[in-house]
Amino acid sequence: MFVIANIFKGLALVLDIVLTIYFWVVIIAALLSFVRPDPHNPIVRTLRVLTEPVFYHIRRRFRFLVQGGFDFTPLVVLLVIHFLKAALVSSLFTAAVKMGVN
């Protein structure tokens, strides 16, 4: 049983790190949208490749998020990330603790 608990704990740790990194990627991409960076810059292109597919799906489903020149899509993504960290990561840690991993 401790093996499954360790797997849950490991999954929770990895998921937490991945969500935290993506959280900061979304914040940086949102801040860059205010300054109009060079679209040929490799860092800007990487940020767009990482964020635009997610932004596109949210914009397509919730058209009201783009209002008067303001795009609230990054805010929704940040809220979803926070929810996943609070619900999924916490649940995995709790399951691991209840199975006996400290």
Protein backbone atom coordinates (compact mmCIF):
# COMPACT_ATOMS: atom_id res chain seq x y z
CA MET A 1 0.00 0.00 0.00
CA PHE A 2 2.91 2.36 0.66
CA VAL A 3 3.95 2.05 -2.99
CA ILE A 4 0.63 3.47 -4.17
CA ALA A 5 0.87 6.19 -1.53
CA ASN A 6 4.34 7.12 -2.78
CA ILE A 7 3.04 7.23 -6.35
CA PHE A 8 0.22 9.57 -5.29
CA LYS A 9 2.66 11.78 -3.42
CA GLY A 10 5.01 11.88 -6.41
CA LEU A 11 2.17 12.69 -8.80
CA ALA A 12 1.01 15.47 -6.49
CA LEU A 13 4.50 16.97 -6.32
CA VAL A 14 5.06 16.83 -10.09
CA LEU A 15 1.59 18.20 -10.83
CA ASP A 16 2.13 21.02 -8.36
CA ILE A 17 5.43 21.99 -10.01
CA VAL A 18 3.97 21.82 -13.54
CA LEU A 19 0.96 23.92 -12.57
CA THR A 20 3.16 26.49 -10.82
CA ILE A 21 5.42 26.81 -13.86
CA TYR A 22 2.42 27.17 -16.18
CA PHE A 23 0.94 29.76 -13.82
CA TRP A 24 4.04 31.92 -14.27
CA VAL A 25 4.11 31.30 -18.03
CA VAL A 26 0.54 32.61 -18.28
CA ILE A 27 1.39 35.68 -16.18
CA ILE A 28 4.45 36.47 -18.30
CA ALA A 29 2.48 35.98 -21.54
CA ALA A 30 -0.28 38.27 -20.28
CA LEU A 31 2.21 40.97 -19.28
CA LEU A 32 3.97 40.71 -22.65
CA SER A 33 0.68 41.32 -24.43
CA PHE A 34 0.73 44.89 -23.07
CA VAL A 35 4.10 45.82 -24.60
CA ARG A 36 3.87 44.19 -28.05
CA PRO A 37 7.18 42.32 -28.12
CA ASP A 38 8.96 41.20 -31.26
CA PRO A 39 6.97 38.17 -32.52
CA HIS A 40 10.15 36.63 -33.94
CA ASN A 41 11.86 36.49 -30.55
CA PRO A 42 12.25 32.81 -29.56
CA ILE A 43 11.12 33.45 -25.99
CA VAL A 44 7.96 35.20 -27.17
CA ARG A 45 7.26 32.43 -29.67
CA THR A 46 7.72 29.78 -26.98
CA LEU A 47 5.33 31.59 -24.64
CA ARG A 48 2.75 31.84 -27.40
CA VAL A 49 3.10 28.17 -28.30
CA LEU A 50 2.55 27.25 -24.64
CA THR A 51 -0.39 29.57 -23.97
CA GLU A 52 -2.31 30.27 -27.17
CA PRO A 53 -3.85 26.77 -27.58
CA VAL A 54 -5.35 27.01 -24.09
CA PHE A 55 -6.40 30.63 -24.60
CA TYR A 56 -7.96 29.77 -27.96
CA HIS A 57 -10.16 27.03 -26.53
CA ILE A 58 -11.35 29.24 -23.69
CA ARG A 59 -11.99 32.21 -26.01
CA ARG A 60 -13.95 29.97 -28.38
CA ARG A 61 -16.18 28.59 -25.64
CA PHE A 62 -16.60 31.82 -23.64
CA ARG A 63 -16.74 34.67 -26.13
CA PHE A 64 -17.83 37.17 -23.46
CA LEU A 65 -14.34 37.08 -21.91
CA VAL A 66 -13.02 39.43 -24.60
CA GLN A 67 -14.70 42.76 -23.88
CA GLY A 68 -13.80 46.17 -25.28
CA GLY A 69 -10.21 45.35 -26.11
CA PHE A 70 -9.56 43.55 -22.83
CA ASP A 71 -8.98 39.82 -22.84
CA PHE A 72 -9.84 38.17 -19.53
CA THR A 73 -8.81 34.71 -20.77
CA PRO A 74 -5.49 34.66 -18.85
CA LEU A 75 -7.38 35.44 -15.66
CA VAL A 76 -9.67 32.45 -16.24
CA VAL A 77 -6.66 30.21 -16.92
CA LEU A 78 -5.02 31.38 -13.68
CA LEU A 79 -8.22 30.64 -11.75
CA VAL A 80 -8.43 27.16 -13.27
CA ILE A 81 -4.79 26.51 -12.35
CA HIS A 82 -5.47 27.66 -8.79
CA PHE A 83 -8.55 25.43 -8.61
CA LEU A 84 -6.58 22.41 -9.89
CA LYS A 85 -3.88 23.01 -7.31
CA ALA A 86 -6.43 23.37 -4.52
CA ALA A 87 -8.57 20.40 -5.53
CA LEU A 88 -6.48 17.85 -7.38
CA VAL A 89 -3.04 18.33 -5.84
CA SER A 90 -4.47 18.59 -2.33
CA SER A 91 -6.56 15.47 -2.89
CA LEU A 92 -3.54 13.50 -4.05
CA PHE A 93 -1.51 14.62 -1.02
CA THR A 94 -4.38 13.77 1.31
CA ALA A 95 -4.79 10.34 -0.27
CA ALA A 96 -1.06 9.72 0.14
CA VAL A 97 -1.15 10.73 3.81
CA LYS A 98 -4.17 8.55 4.53
CA MET A 99 -2.37 5.61 2.94
CA GLY A 100 0.54 6.07 5.26
CA VAL A 101 3.18 8.27 3.64
CA ASN A 102 4.46 11.14 5.73
